[in-house]
């Protein structure tokens, strides 16, 4: 289903590009010299649709480079989130252990271990 939808979208995009190319065949002059518009250093004369397609392709290349650069940051973020989860679990365990020690104090070494009363035998 997704392949069919993708094929339909690609055909529509191709039809739109052909219509744009047919409607914009006039020649335009593109100047890359912003300082002297009357006598520019470099001028390219090309059909308008060709300029549009060149800008579209350049945008796709720059966007692809930007997206590929984000891959390493996303991988690092996933690693740090996993580590944060482990650290939070360890902190919760330590807090729970500390709370249990406060409720039930550990026996001290100088206190007797047996708390039962000792029966005294009568003296002879």
PDB file of N, CA and C in Angstrom:
ATOM      1  N   UNK A   1       0.818  -1.190   0.000  1.00  0.00           N
ATOM      2  CA  UNK A   1       0.000   0.000   0.000  1.00  0.00           C
ATOM      3  C   UNK A   1       0.864   1.257   0.000  1.00  0.00           C
ATOM      4  N   UNK A   2       1.927   1.232   0.821  1.00  0.00           N
ATOM      5  CA  UNK A   2       2.785   2.420   0.881  1.00  0.00           C
ATOM      6  C   UNK A   2       3.563   2.602  -0.420  1.00  0.00           C
ATOM      7  N   UNK A   3       3.902   1.496  -1.078  1.00  0.00           N
ATOM      8  CA  UNK A   3       4.608   1.613  -2.372  1.00  0.00           C
ATOM      9  C   UNK A   3       3.717   2.251  -3.425  1.00  0.00           C
ATOM     10  N   UNK A   4       2.454   1.872  -3.415  1.00  0.00           N
ATOM     11  CA  UNK A   4       1.504   2.446  -4.361  1.00  0.00           C
ATOM     12  C   UNK A   4       1.329   3.943  -4.091  1.00  0.00           C
ATOM     13  N   UNK A   5       1.189   4.304  -2.822  1.00  0.00           N
ATOM     14  CA  UNK A   5       1.052   5.714  -2.455  1.00  0.00           C
ATOM     15  C   UNK A   5       2.302   6.505  -2.834  1.00  0.00           C
ATOM     16  N   UNK A   6       3.465   5.924  -2.602  1.00  0.00           N
ATOM     17  CA  UNK A   6       4.715   6.585  -2.973  1.00  0.00           C
ATOM     18  C   UNK A   6       4.819   6.755  -4.491  1.00  0.00           C
ATOM     19  N   UNK A   7       4.417   5.749  -5.244  1.00  0.00           N
ATOM     20  CA  UNK A   7       4.451   5.836  -6.706  1.00  0.00           C
ATOM     21  C   UNK A   7       3.510   6.926  -7.210  1.00  0.00           C
ATOM     22  N   UNK A   8       2.339   7.019  -6.619  1.00  0.00           N
ATOM     23  CA  UNK A   8       1.386   8.059  -7.025  1.00  0.00           C
ATOM     24  C   UNK A   8       1.940   9.445  -6.707  1.00  0.00           C
ATOM     25  N   UNK A   9       2.514   9.603  -5.529  1.00  0.00           N
ATOM     26  CA  UNK A   9       3.096  10.903  -5.147  1.00  0.00           C
ATOM     27  C   UNK A   9       4.269  11.277  -6.054  1.00  0.00           C
ATOM     28  N   UNK A  10       5.092  10.304  -6.412  1.00  0.00           N
ATOM     29  CA  UNK A  10       6.221  10.587  -7.305  1.00  0.00           C
ATOM     30  C   UNK A  10       5.738  10.982  -8.703  1.00  0.00           C
ATOM     31  N   UNK A  11       4.688  10.344  -9.174  1.00  0.00           N
ATOM     32  CA  UNK A  11       4.146  10.701 -10.482  1.00  0.00           C
ATOM     33  C   UNK A  11       3.551  12.108 -10.458  1.00  0.00           C
ATOM     34  N   UNK A  12       2.887  12.463  -9.377  1.00  0.00           N
ATOM     35  CA  UNK A  12       2.351  13.814  -9.250  1.00  0.00           C
ATOM     36  C   UNK A  12       3.466  14.850  -9.192  1.00  0.00           C
ATOM     37  N   UNK A  13       4.525  14.541  -8.476  1.00  0.00           N
ATOM     38  CA  UNK A  13       5.663  15.461  -8.388  1.00  0.00           C
ATOM     39  C   UNK A  13       6.330  15.617  -9.752  1.00  0.00           C
ATOM     40  N   UNK A  14       6.479  14.521 -10.480  1.00  0.00           N
ATOM     41  CA  UNK A  14       7.079  14.591 -11.820  1.00  0.00           C
ATOM     42  C   UNK A  14       6.203  15.409 -12.758  1.00  0.00           C
ATOM     43  N   UNK A  15       4.885  15.240 -12.677  1.00  0.00           N
ATOM     44  CA  UNK A  15       3.979  16.017 -13.526  1.00  0.00           C
ATOM     45  C   UNK A  15       4.070  17.501 -13.189  1.00  0.00           C
ATOM     46  N   UNK A  16       4.176  17.831 -11.900  1.00  0.00           N
ATOM     47  CA  UNK A  16       4.306  19.231 -11.495  1.00  0.00           C
ATOM     48  C   UNK A  16       5.629  19.820 -11.995  1.00  0.00           C
ATOM     49  N   UNK A  17       6.690  19.036 -11.967  1.00  0.00           N
ATOM     50  CA  UNK A  17       7.992  19.525 -12.447  1.00  0.00           C
ATOM     51  C   UNK A  17       7.966  19.750 -13.958  1.00  0.00           C
ATOM     52  N   UNK A  18       7.332  18.866 -14.698  1.00  0.00           N
ATOM     53  CA  UNK A  18       7.225  19.032 -16.149  1.00  0.00           C
ATOM     54  C   UNK A  18       6.396  20.272 -16.471  1.00  0.00           C
ATOM     55  N   UNK A  19       5.294  20.460 -15.754  1.00  0.00           N
ATOM     56  CA  UNK A  19       4.457  21.644 -15.980  1.00  0.00           C
ATOM     57  C   UNK A  19       5.235  22.919 -15.664  1.00  0.00           C
ATOM     58  N   UNK A  20       6.026  22.912 -14.603  1.00  0.00           N
ATOM     59  CA  UNK A  20       6.850  24.070 -14.247  1.00  0.00           C
ATOM     60  C   UNK A  20       7.883  24.345 -15.339  1.00  0.00           C
ATOM     61  N   UNK A  21       8.496  23.294 -15.869  1.00  0.00           N
ATOM     62  CA  UNK A  21       9.516  23.466 -16.908  1.00  0.00           C
ATOM     63  C   UNK A  21       8.911  24.013 -18.199  1.00  0.00           C
ATOM     64  N   UNK A  22       7.730  23.552 -18.560  1.00  0.00           N
ATOM     65  CA  UNK A  22       7.092  24.022 -19.792  1.00  0.00           C
ATOM     66  C   UNK A  22       6.660  25.485 -19.647  1.00  0.00           C
ATOM     67  N   UNK A  23       6.177  25.856 -18.479  1.00  0.00           N
ATOM     68  CA  UNK A  23       5.669  27.212 -18.275  1.00  0.00           C
ATOM     69  C   UNK A  23       6.793  28.234 -18.090  1.00  0.00           C
ATOM     70  N   UNK A  24       8.007  27.817 -17.749  1.00  0.00           N
ATOM     71  CA  UNK A  24       9.092  28.756 -17.427  1.00  0.00           C
ATOM     72  C   UNK A  24      10.326  28.494 -18.286  1.00  0.00           C
ATOM     73  N   UNK A  25      10.156  28.591 -19.608  1.00  0.00           N
ATOM     74  CA  UNK A  25      11.272  28.352 -20.519  1.00  0.00           C
ATOM     75  C   UNK A  25      12.047  29.615 -20.864  1.00  0.00           C
ATOM     76  N   UNK A  26      11.615  30.757 -20.405  1.00  0.00           N
ATOM     77  CA  UNK A  26      12.296  32.004 -20.765  1.00  0.00           C
ATOM     78  C   UNK A  26      13.678  32.060 -20.123  1.00  0.00           C
ATOM     79  N   UNK A  27      14.592  32.724 -20.798  1.00  0.00           N
ATOM     80  CA  UNK A  27      15.951  32.848 -20.291  1.00  0.00           C
ATOM     81  C   UNK A  27      16.026  33.963 -19.254  1.00  0.00           C
ATOM     82  N   UNK A  28      16.763  33.711 -18.204  1.00  0.00           N
ATOM     83  CA  UNK A  28      16.995  34.711 -17.162  1.00  0.00           C
ATOM     84  C   UNK A  28      18.494  34.819 -16.950  1.00  0.00           C
ATOM     85  N   UNK A  29      18.932  35.985 -16.525  1.00  0.00           N
ATOM     86  CA  UNK A  29      20.345  36.201 -16.203  1.00  0.00           C
ATOM     87  C   UNK A  29      20.496  36.190 -14.693  1.00  0.00           C
ATOM     88  N   UNK A  30      21.361  35.337 -14.217  1.00  0.00           N
ATOM     89  CA  UNK A  30      21.624  35.221 -12.784  1.00  0.00           C
ATOM     90  C   UNK A  30      23.001  35.812 -12.527  1.00  0.00           C
ATOM     91  N   UNK A  31      23.039  36.834 -11.676  1.00  0.00           N
ATOM     92  CA  UNK A  31      24.291  37.514 -11.358  1.00  0.00           C
ATOM     93  C   UNK A  31      24.749  37.122  -9.962  1.00  0.00           C
ATOM     94  N   UNK A  32      26.018  36.813  -9.832  1.00  0.00           N
ATOM     95  CA  UNK A  32      26.598  36.460  -8.543  1.00  0.00           C
ATOM     96  C   UNK A  32      27.507  37.559  -8.014  1.00  0.00           C
ATOM     97  N   UNK A  33      27.311  38.780  -8.502  1.00  0.00           N
ATOM     98  CA  UNK A  33      28.107  39.924  -8.058  1.00  0.00           C
ATOM     99  C   UNK A  33      27.174  40.955  -7.436  1.00  0.00           C
ATOM    100  N   UNK A  34      27.068  40.995  -6.090  1.00  0.00           N
ATOM    101  CA  UNK A  34      26.132  41.925  -5.462  1.00  0.00           C
ATOM    102  C   UNK A  34      26.640  43.367  -5.440  1.00  0.00           C
ATOM    103  N   UNK A  35      27.901  43.619  -5.783  1.00  0.00           N
ATOM    104  CA  UNK A  35      28.472  44.961  -5.652  1.00  0.00           C
ATOM    105  C   UNK A  35      28.299  45.817  -6.900  1.00  0.00           C
ATOM    106  N   UNK A  36      28.232  45.207  -8.079  1.00  0.00           N
ATOM    107  CA  UNK A  36      28.097  45.977  -9.315  1.00  0.00           C
ATOM    108  C   UNK A  36      27.011  45.349 -10.190  1.00  0.00           C
ATOM    109  N   UNK A  37      25.750  45.754  -9.990  1.00  0.00           N
ATOM    110  CA  UNK A  37      24.665  45.133 -10.764  1.00  0.00           C
ATOM    111  C   UNK A  37      24.667  45.528 -12.245  1.00  0.00           C
ATOM    112  N   UNK A  38      25.282  46.643 -12.592  1.00  0.00           N
ATOM    113  CA  UNK A  38      25.289  47.047 -14.004  1.00  0.00           C
ATOM    114  C   UNK A  38      26.299  46.253 -14.814  1.00  0.00           C
ATOM    115  N   UNK A  39      27.451  45.951 -14.235  1.00  0.00           N
ATOM    116  CA  UNK A  39      28.494  45.189 -14.938  1.00  0.00           C
ATOM    117  C   UNK A  39      28.996  44.082 -14.007  1.00  0.00           C
ATOM    118  N   UNK A  40      28.218  43.015 -13.829  1.00  0.00           N
ATOM    119  CA  UNK A  40      28.617  41.970 -12.881  1.00  0.00           C
ATOM    120  C   UNK A  40      29.816  41.171 -13.389  1.00  0.00           C
ATOM    121  N   UNK A  41      30.562  40.618 -12.449  1.00  0.00           N
ATOM    122  CA  UNK A  41      31.754  39.840 -12.787  1.00  0.00           C
ATOM    123  C   UNK A  41      31.376  38.464 -13.347  1.00  0.00           C
ATOM    124  N   UNK A  42      30.338  37.848 -12.796  1.00  0.00           N
ATOM    125  CA  UNK A  42      29.928  36.532 -13.279  1.00  0.00           C
ATOM    126  C   UNK A  42      28.426  36.525 -13.481  1.00  0.00           C
ATOM    127  N   UNK A  43      27.990  36.247 -14.697  1.00  0.00           N
ATOM    128  CA  UNK A  43      26.569  36.181 -15.044  1.00  0.00           C
ATOM    129  C   UNK A  43      26.317  34.850 -15.742  1.00  0.00           C
ATOM    130  N   UNK A  44      25.271  34.176 -15.338  1.00  0.00           N
ATOM    131  CA  UNK A  44      24.858  32.941 -16.008  1.00  0.00           C
ATOM    132  C   UNK A  44      23.481  33.174 -16.604  1.00  0.00           C
ATOM    133  N   UNK A  45      23.330  32.866 -17.867  1.00  0.00           N
ATOM    134  CA  UNK A  45      22.035  32.974 -18.539  1.00  0.00           C
ATOM    135  C   UNK A  45      21.535  31.564 -18.783  1.00  0.00           C
ATOM    136  N   UNK A  46      20.345  31.292 -18.215  1.00  0.00           N
ATOM    137  CA  UNK A  46      19.778  29.941 -18.301  1.00  0.00           C
ATOM    138  C   UNK A  46      18.267  30.035 -18.249  1.00  0.00           C
ATOM    139  N   UNK A  47      17.578  28.964 -18.636  1.00  0.00           N
ATOM    140  CA  UNK A  47      16.123  28.955 -18.503  1.00  0.00           C
ATOM    141  C   UNK A  47      15.726  28.981 -17.018  1.00  0.00           C
ATOM    142  N   UNK A  48      14.592  29.601 -16.741  1.00  0.00           N
ATOM    143  CA  UNK A  48      14.152  29.744 -15.352  1.00  0.00           C
ATOM    144  C   UNK A  48      13.898  28.394 -14.686  1.00  0.00           C
ATOM    145  N   UNK A  49      13.351  27.428 -15.419  1.00  0.00           N
ATOM    146  CA  UNK A  49      13.085  26.124 -14.815  1.00  0.00           C
ATOM    147  C   UNK A  49      14.392  25.428 -14.417  1.00  0.00           C
ATOM    148  N   UNK A  50      15.444  25.631 -15.198  1.00  0.00           N
ATOM    149  CA  UNK A  50      16.729  25.032 -14.866  1.00  0.00           C
ATOM    150  C   UNK A  50      17.285  25.620 -13.571  1.00  0.00           C
ATOM    151  N   UNK A  51      17.125  26.918 -13.410  1.00  0.00           N
ATOM    152  CA  UNK A  51      17.542  27.565 -12.164  1.00  0.00           C
ATOM    153  C   UNK A  51      16.737  27.016 -10.984  1.00  0.00           C
ATOM    154  N   UNK A  52      15.442  26.863 -11.178  1.00  0.00           N
ATOM    155  CA  UNK A  52      14.595  26.311 -10.105  1.00  0.00           C
ATOM    156  C   UNK A  52      14.997  24.901  -9.722  1.00  0.00           C
ATOM    157  N   UNK A  53      15.257  24.060 -10.738  1.00  0.00           N
ATOM    158  CA  UNK A  53      15.677  22.690 -10.452  1.00  0.00           C
ATOM    159  C   UNK A  53      17.037  22.653  -9.763  1.00  0.00           C
ATOM    160  N   UNK A  54      17.943  23.531 -10.180  1.00  0.00           N
ATOM    161  CA  UNK A  54      19.275  23.581  -9.549  1.00  0.00           C
ATOM    162  C   UNK A  54      19.159  23.972  -8.075  1.00  0.00           C
ATOM    163  N   UNK A  55      18.296  24.940  -7.776  1.00  0.00           N
ATOM    164  CA  UNK A  55      18.102  25.345  -6.383  1.00  0.00           C
ATOM    165  C   UNK A  55      17.457  24.212  -5.585  1.00  0.00           C
ATOM    166  N   UNK A  56      16.511  23.507  -6.190  1.00  0.00           N
ATOM    167  CA  UNK A  56      15.856  22.381  -5.521  1.00  0.00           C
ATOM    168  C   UNK A  56      16.856  21.260  -5.205  1.00  0.00           C
ATOM    169  N   UNK A  57      17.699  20.925  -6.152  1.00  0.00           N
ATOM    170  CA  UNK A  57      18.700  19.877  -5.951  1.00  0.00           C
ATOM    171  C   UNK A  57      19.722  20.299  -4.897  1.00  0.00           C
ATOM    172  N   UNK A  58      20.159  21.554  -4.962  1.00  0.00           N
ATOM    173  CA  UNK A  58      21.106  22.050  -3.964  1.00  0.00           C
ATOM    174  C   UNK A  58      20.496  22.010  -2.558  1.00  0.00           C
ATOM    175  N   UNK A  59      19.225  22.367  -2.455  1.00  0.00           N
ATOM    176  CA  UNK A  59      18.544  22.302  -1.159  1.00  0.00           C
ATOM    177  C   UNK A  59      18.447  20.885  -0.626  1.00  0.00           C
ATOM    178  N   UNK A  60      18.194  19.928  -1.512  1.00  0.00           N
ATOM    179  CA  UNK A  60      18.124  18.529  -1.087  1.00  0.00           C
ATOM    180  C   UNK A  60      19.485  18.038  -0.593  1.00  0.00           C
ATOM    181  N   UNK A  61      20.550  18.445  -1.270  1.00  0.00           N
ATOM    182  CA  UNK A  61      21.902  18.034  -0.854  1.00  0.00           C
ATOM    183  C   UNK A  61      22.249  18.631   0.500  1.00  0.00           C
ATOM    184  N   UNK A  62      21.993  19.929   0.679  1.00  0.00           N
ATOM    185  CA  UNK A  62      22.303  20.580   1.962  1.00  0.00           C
ATOM    186  C   UNK A  62      21.453  19.977   3.079  1.00  0.00           C
ATOM    187  N   UNK A  63      20.177  19.711   2.809  1.00  0.00           N
ATOM    188  CA  UNK A  63      19.323  19.081   3.823  1.00  0.00           C
ATOM    189  C   UNK A  63      19.788  17.685   4.190  1.00  0.00           C
ATOM    190  N   UNK A  64      20.234  16.918   3.200  1.00  0.00           N
ATOM    191  CA  UNK A  64      20.751  15.576   3.479  1.00  0.00           C
ATOM    192  C   UNK A  64      22.010  15.615   4.331  1.00  0.00           C
ATOM    193  N   UNK A  65      22.882  16.570   4.047  1.00  0.00           N
ATOM    194  CA  UNK A  65      24.091  16.710   4.862  1.00  0.00           C
ATOM    195  C   UNK A  65      23.750  17.102   6.295  1.00  0.00           C
ATOM    196  N   UNK A  66      22.795  18.005   6.445  1.00  0.00           N
ATOM    197  CA  UNK A  66      22.392  18.422   7.791  1.00  0.00           C
ATOM    198  C   UNK A  66      21.763  17.261   8.553  1.00  0.00           C
ATOM    199  N   UNK A  67      20.959  16.455   7.888  1.00  0.00           N
ATOM    200  CA  UNK A  67      20.314  15.314   8.543  1.00  0.00           C
ATOM    201  C   UNK A  67      21.330  14.242   8.916  1.00  0.00           C
ATOM    202  N   UNK A  68      22.325  14.013   8.066  1.00  0.00           N
ATOM    203  CA  UNK A  68      23.323  13.002   8.394  1.00  0.00           C
ATOM    204  C   UNK A  68      24.185  13.441   9.568  1.00  0.00           C
ATOM    205  N   UNK A  69      24.370  14.742   9.729  1.00  0.00           N
ATOM    206  CA  UNK A  69      25.128  15.241  10.870  1.00  0.00           C
ATOM    207  C   UNK A  69      24.356  15.030  12.169  1.00  0.00           C
ATOM    208  N   UNK A  70      23.028  15.023  12.110  1.00  0.00           N
ATOM    209  CA  UNK A  70      22.217  14.834  13.311  1.00  0.00           C
ATOM    210  C   UNK A  70      22.251  13.399  13.820  1.00  0.00           C
ATOM    211  N   UNK A  71      22.630  12.461  12.961  1.00  0.00           N
ATOM    212  CA  UNK A  71      22.626  11.052  13.344  1.00  0.00           C
ATOM    213  C   UNK A  71      23.505  10.800  14.553  1.00  0.00           C
ATOM    214  N   UNK A  72      24.719  11.358  14.562  1.00  0.00           N
ATOM    215  CA  UNK A  72      25.622  11.090  15.689  1.00  0.00           C
ATOM    216  C   UNK A  72      25.107  11.728  16.971  1.00  0.00           C
ATOM    217  N   UNK A  73      24.442  12.873  16.859  1.00  0.00           N
ATOM    218  CA  UNK A  73      23.904  13.513  18.058  1.00  0.00           C
ATOM    219  C   UNK A  73      22.730  12.714  18.612  1.00  0.00           C
ATOM    220  N   UNK A  74      21.916  12.150  17.751  1.00  0.00           N
ATOM    221  CA  UNK A  74      20.801  11.322  18.213  1.00  0.00           C
ATOM    222  C   UNK A  74      21.306  10.051  18.891  1.00  0.00           C
ATOM    223  N   UNK A  75      22.345   9.436  18.318  1.00  0.00           N
ATOM    224  CA  UNK A  75      22.920   8.234  18.910  1.00  0.00           C
ATOM    225  C   UNK A  75      23.483   8.544  20.302  1.00  0.00           C
ATOM    226  N   UNK A  76      24.178   9.671  20.422  1.00  0.00           N
ATOM    227  CA  UNK A  76      24.732  10.075  21.712  1.00  0.00           C
ATOM    228  C   UNK A  76      23.619  10.364  22.717  1.00  0.00           C
ATOM    229  N   UNK A  77      22.529  10.974  22.240  1.00  0.00           N
ATOM    230  CA  UNK A  77      21.409  11.263  23.132  1.00  0.00           C
ATOM    231  C   UNK A  77      20.785   9.974  23.643  1.00  0.00           C
ATOM    232  N   UNK A  78      20.591   8.969  22.782  1.00  0.00           N
ATOM    233  CA  UNK A  78      20.032   7.691  23.223  1.00  0.00           C
ATOM    234  C   UNK A  78      20.935   7.018  24.248  1.00  0.00           C
ATOM    235  N   UNK A  79      22.251   7.087  24.026  1.00  0.00           N
ATOM    236  CA  UNK A  79      23.185   6.478  24.965  1.00  0.00           C
ATOM    237  C   UNK A  79      23.114   7.170  26.321  1.00  0.00           C
ATOM    238  N   UNK A  80      23.064   8.504  26.308  1.00  0.00           N
ATOM    239  CA  UNK A  80      23.009   9.247  27.564  1.00  0.00           C
ATOM    240  C   UNK A  80      21.682   9.044  28.290  1.00  0.00           C
ATOM    241  N   UNK A  81      20.580   8.911  27.548  1.00  0.00           N
ATOM    242  CA  UNK A  81      19.297   8.644  28.188  1.00  0.00           C
ATOM    243  C   UNK A  81      19.295   7.276  28.858  1.00  0.00           C
ATOM    244  N   UNK A  82      19.907   6.287  28.219  1.00  0.00           N
ATOM    245  CA  UNK A  82      19.989   4.952  28.825  1.00  0.00           C
ATOM    246  C   UNK A  82      20.844   4.999  30.094  1.00  0.00           C
ATOM    247  N   UNK A  83      21.948   5.713  30.025  1.00  0.00           N
ATOM    248  CA  UNK A  83      22.804   5.834  31.202  1.00  0.00           C
ATOM    249  C   UNK A  83      22.084   6.571  32.325  1.00  0.00           C
ATOM    250  N   UNK A  84      21.326   7.595  31.989  1.00  0.00           N
ATOM    251  CA  UNK A  84      20.567   8.332  32.990  1.00  0.00           C
ATOM    252  C   UNK A  84      19.532   7.437  33.651  1.00  0.00           C
ATOM    253  N   UNK A  85      18.900   6.574  32.880  1.00  0.00           N
ATOM    254  CA  UNK A  85      17.939   5.631  33.446  1.00  0.00           C
ATOM    255  C   UNK A  85      18.599   4.687  34.443  1.00  0.00           C
ATOM    256  N   UNK A  86      19.800   4.195  34.095  1.00  0.00           N
ATOM    257  CA  UNK A  86      20.516   3.307  35.015  1.00  0.00           C
ATOM    258  C   UNK A  86      20.919   4.051  36.292  1.00  0.00           C
ATOM    259  N   UNK A  87      21.371   5.291  36.151  1.00  0.00           N
ATOM    260  CA  UNK A  87      21.791   6.061  37.321  1.00  0.00           C
ATOM    261  C   UNK A  87      20.592   6.368  38.217  1.00  0.00           C
ATOM    262  N   UNK A  88      19.449   6.699  37.616  1.00  0.00           N
ATOM    263  CA  UNK A  88      18.252   6.973  38.426  1.00  0.00           C
ATOM    264  C   UNK A  88      17.787   5.724  39.162  1.00  0.00           C
ATOM    265  N   UNK A  89      17.850   4.559  38.509  1.00  0.00           N
ATOM    266  CA  UNK A  89      17.466   3.312  39.174  1.00  0.00           C
ATOM    267  C   UNK A  89      18.397   3.030  40.350  1.00  0.00           C
ATOM    268  N   UNK A  90      19.687   3.256  40.148  1.00  0.00           N
ATOM    269  CA  UNK A  90      20.649   3.057  41.238  1.00  0.00           C
ATOM    270  C   UNK A  90      20.385   4.029  42.377  1.00  0.00           C
ATOM    271  N   UNK A  91      20.067   5.275  42.070  1.00  0.00           N
ATOM    272  CA  UNK A  91      19.773   6.273  43.101  1.00  0.00           C
ATOM    273  C   UNK A  91      18.520   5.887  43.877  1.00  0.00           C
ATOM    274  N   UNK A  92      17.490   5.413  43.183  1.00  0.00           N
ATOM    275  CA  UNK A  92      16.273   4.974  43.875  1.00  0.00           C
ATOM    276  C   UNK A  92      16.576   3.807  44.811  1.00  0.00           C
ATOM    277  N   UNK A  93      17.423   2.869  44.357  1.00  0.00           N
ATOM    278  CA  UNK A  93      17.778   1.735  45.210  1.00  0.00           C
ATOM    279  C   UNK A  93      18.540   2.192  46.442  1.00  0.00           C
ATOM    280  N   UNK A  94      19.468   3.133  46.270  1.00  0.00           N
ATOM    281  CA  UNK A  94      20.245   3.638  47.406  1.00  0.00           C
ATOM    282  C   UNK A  94      19.341   4.393  48.374  1.00  0.00           C
ATOM    283  N   UNK A  95      18.397   5.187  47.862  1.00  0.00           N
ATOM    284  CA  UNK A  95      17.464   5.908  48.735  1.00  0.00           C
ATOM    285  C   UNK A  95      16.592   4.936  49.521  1.00  0.00           C
ATOM    286  N   UNK A  96      16.147   3.860  48.857  1.00  0.00           N
ATOM    287  CA  UNK A  96      15.313   2.874  49.542  1.00  0.00           C
ATOM    288  C   UNK A  96      16.110   2.174  50.637  1.00  0.00           C
ATOM    289  N   UNK A  97      17.358   1.822  50.369  1.00  0.00           N
ATOM    290  CA  UNK A  97      18.204   1.196  51.384  1.00  0.00           C
ATOM    291  C   UNK A  97      18.433   2.138  52.561  1.00  0.00           C
ATOM    292  N   UNK A  98      18.664   3.428  52.285  1.00  0.00           N
ATOM    293  CA  UNK A  98      18.882   4.400  53.358  1.00  0.00           C
ATOM    294  C   UNK A  98      17.620   4.567  54.188  1.00  0.00           C
ATOM    295  N   UNK A  99      16.458   4.552  53.568  1.00  0.00           N
ATOM    296  CA  UNK A  99      15.201   4.686  54.306  1.00  0.00           C
ATOM    297  C   UNK A  99      14.976   3.469  55.198  1.00  0.00           C
ATOM    298  N   UNK A 100      15.325   2.281  54.727  1.00  0.00           N
ATOM    299  CA  UNK A 100      15.175   1.078  55.551  1.00  0.00           C
ATOM    300  C   UNK A 100      16.121   1.111  56.747  1.00  0.00           C
ATOM    301  N   UNK A 101      17.322   1.623  56.563  1.00  0.00           N
ATOM    302  CA  UNK A 101      18.267   1.714  57.678  1.00  0.00           C
ATOM    303  C   UNK A 101      17.798   2.707  58.729  1.00  0.00           C
ATOM    304  N   UNK A 102      17.117   3.766  58.320  1.00  0.00           N
ATOM    305  CA  UNK A 102      16.603   4.741  59.283  1.00  0.00           C
ATOM    306  C   UNK A 102      15.460   4.151  60.093  1.00  0.00           C
ATOM    307  N   UNK A 103      14.612   3.356  59.492  1.00  0.00           N
ATOM    308  CA  UNK A 103      13.485   2.747  60.193  1.00  0.00           C
ATOM    309  C   UNK A 103      13.972   1.665  61.136  1.00  0.00           C
ATOM    310  N   UNK A 104      14.913   0.865  60.740  1.00  0.00           N
ATOM    311  CA  UNK A 104      15.410  -0.250  61.519  1.00  0.00           C
ATOM    312  C   UNK A 104      16.902  -0.057  61.718  1.00  0.00           C
ATOM    313  N   UNK A 105      17.300   0.585  62.826  1.00  0.00           N
ATOM    314  CA  UNK A 105      18.729   0.840  63.022  1.00  0.00           C
ATOM    315  C   UNK A 105      19.498  -0.464  63.203  1.00  0.00           C
ATOM    316  N   UNK A 106      20.710  -0.437  62.787  1.00  0.00           N
ATOM    317  CA  UNK A 106      21.569  -1.614  62.904  1.00  0.00           C
ATOM    318  C   UNK A 106      21.962  -1.803  64.367  1.00  0.00           C
ATOM    319  N   UNK A 107      22.090  -3.070  64.807  1.00  0.00           N
ATOM    320  CA  UNK A 107      22.491  -3.310  66.202  1.00  0.00           C
ATOM    321  C   UNK A 107      23.922  -2.829  66.434  1.00  0.00           C
ATOM    322  N   UNK A 108      24.124  -2.194  67.588  1.00  0.00           N
ATOM    323  CA  UNK A 108      25.468  -1.705  67.883  1.00  0.00           C
ATOM    324  C   UNK A 108      26.321  -2.841  68.426  1.00  0.00           C
ATOM    325  N   UNK A 109      27.617  -2.714  68.369  1.00  0.00           N
ATOM    326  CA  UNK A 109      28.522  -3.793  68.763  1.00  0.00           C
ATOM    327  C   UNK A 109      28.640  -3.924  70.280  1.00  0.00           C
ATOM    328  N   UNK A 110      28.388  -2.863  71.061  1.00  0.00           N
ATOM    329  CA  UNK A 110      28.542  -2.934  72.511  1.00  0.00           C
ATOM    330  C   UNK A 110      27.259  -3.356  73.210  1.00  0.00           C
ATOM    331  N   UNK A 111      26.154  -3.447  72.550  1.00  0.00           N
ATOM    332  CA  UNK A 111      24.894  -3.875  73.160  1.00  0.00           C
ATOM    333  C   UNK A 111      24.842  -5.397  73.155  1.00  0.00           C
ATOM    334  N   UNK A 112      24.222  -5.993  74.186  1.00  0.00           N
ATOM    335  CA  UNK A 112      24.103  -7.458  74.199  1.00  0.00           C
ATOM    336  C   UNK A 112      23.169  -7.907  73.080  1.00  0.00           C
ATOM    337  N   UNK A 113      23.467  -9.088  72.579  1.00  0.00           N
ATOM    338  CA  UNK A 113      22.665  -9.595  71.463  1.00  0.00           C
ATOM    339  C   UNK A 113      21.353 -10.181  71.947  1.00  0.00           C
ATOM    340  N   UNK A 114      21.368 -10.826  73.101  1.00  0.00           N
ATOM    341  CA  UNK A 114      20.150 -11.447  73.611  1.00  0.00           C
ATOM    342  C   UNK A 114      19.400 -10.424  74.457  1.00  0.00           C
ATOM    343  N   UNK A 115      18.131 -10.331  74.230  1.00  0.00           N
ATOM    344  CA  UNK A 115      17.317  -9.387  74.990  1.00  0.00           C
ATOM    345  C   UNK A 115      16.394 -10.113  75.962  1.00  0.00           C
ATOM    346  N   UNK A 116      16.585 -11.417  76.105  1.00  0.00           N
ATOM    347  CA  UNK A 116      15.741 -12.189  77.017  1.00  0.00           C
ATOM    348  C   UNK A 116      16.227 -11.996  78.451  1.00  0.00           C
ATOM    349  N   UNK A 117      15.316 -11.971  79.437  1.00  0.00           N
ATOM    350  CA  UNK A 117      15.769 -11.854  80.837  1.00  0.00           C
ATOM    351  C   UNK A 117      16.499 -13.133  81.284  1.00  0.00           C
ATOM    352  N   UNK A 118      17.520 -12.931  82.049  1.00  0.00           N
ATOM    353  CA  UNK A 118      18.329 -14.066  82.499  1.00  0.00           C
ATOM    354  C   UNK A 118      17.784 -14.491  83.875  1.00  0.00           C
ATOM    355  N   UNK A 119      17.472 -15.747  83.995  1.00  0.00           N
ATOM    356  CA  UNK A 119      16.954 -16.282  85.272  1.00  0.00           C
ATOM    357  C   UNK A 119      18.125 -16.478  86.219  1.00  0.00           C
ATOM    358  N   UNK A 120      17.939 -16.043  87.456  1.00  0.00           N
ATOM    359  CA  UNK A 120      18.989 -16.168  88.471  1.00  0.00           C
ATOM    360  C   UNK A 120      18.709 -17.414  89.324  1.00  0.00           C
ATOM    361  N   UNK A 121      19.751 -18.134  89.554  1.00  0.00           N
ATOM    362  CA  UNK A 121      19.630 -19.308  90.382  1.00  0.00           C
ATOM    363  C   UNK A 121      19.827 -18.906  91.848  1.00  0.00           C
ATOM    364  N   UNK A 122      19.098 -19.561  92.741  1.00  0.00           N
ATOM    365  CA  UNK A 122      19.279 -19.220  94.169  1.00  0.00           C
ATOM    366  C   UNK A 122      20.675 -19.633  94.654  1.00  0.00           C
ATOM    367  N   UNK A 123      21.236 -18.812  95.504  1.00  0.00           N
ATOM    368  CA  UNK A 123      22.588 -19.067  96.003  1.00  0.00           C
ATOM    369  C   UNK A 123      22.540 -20.156  97.084  1.00  0.00           C
ATOM    370  N   UNK A 124      23.471 -21.058  97.152  1.00  0.00           N
ATOM    371  CA  UNK A 124      23.527 -22.147  98.130  1.00  0.00           C
ATOM    372  C   UNK A 124      24.258 -21.727  99.318  1.00  0.00           C
TER     373      UNK A 124
END
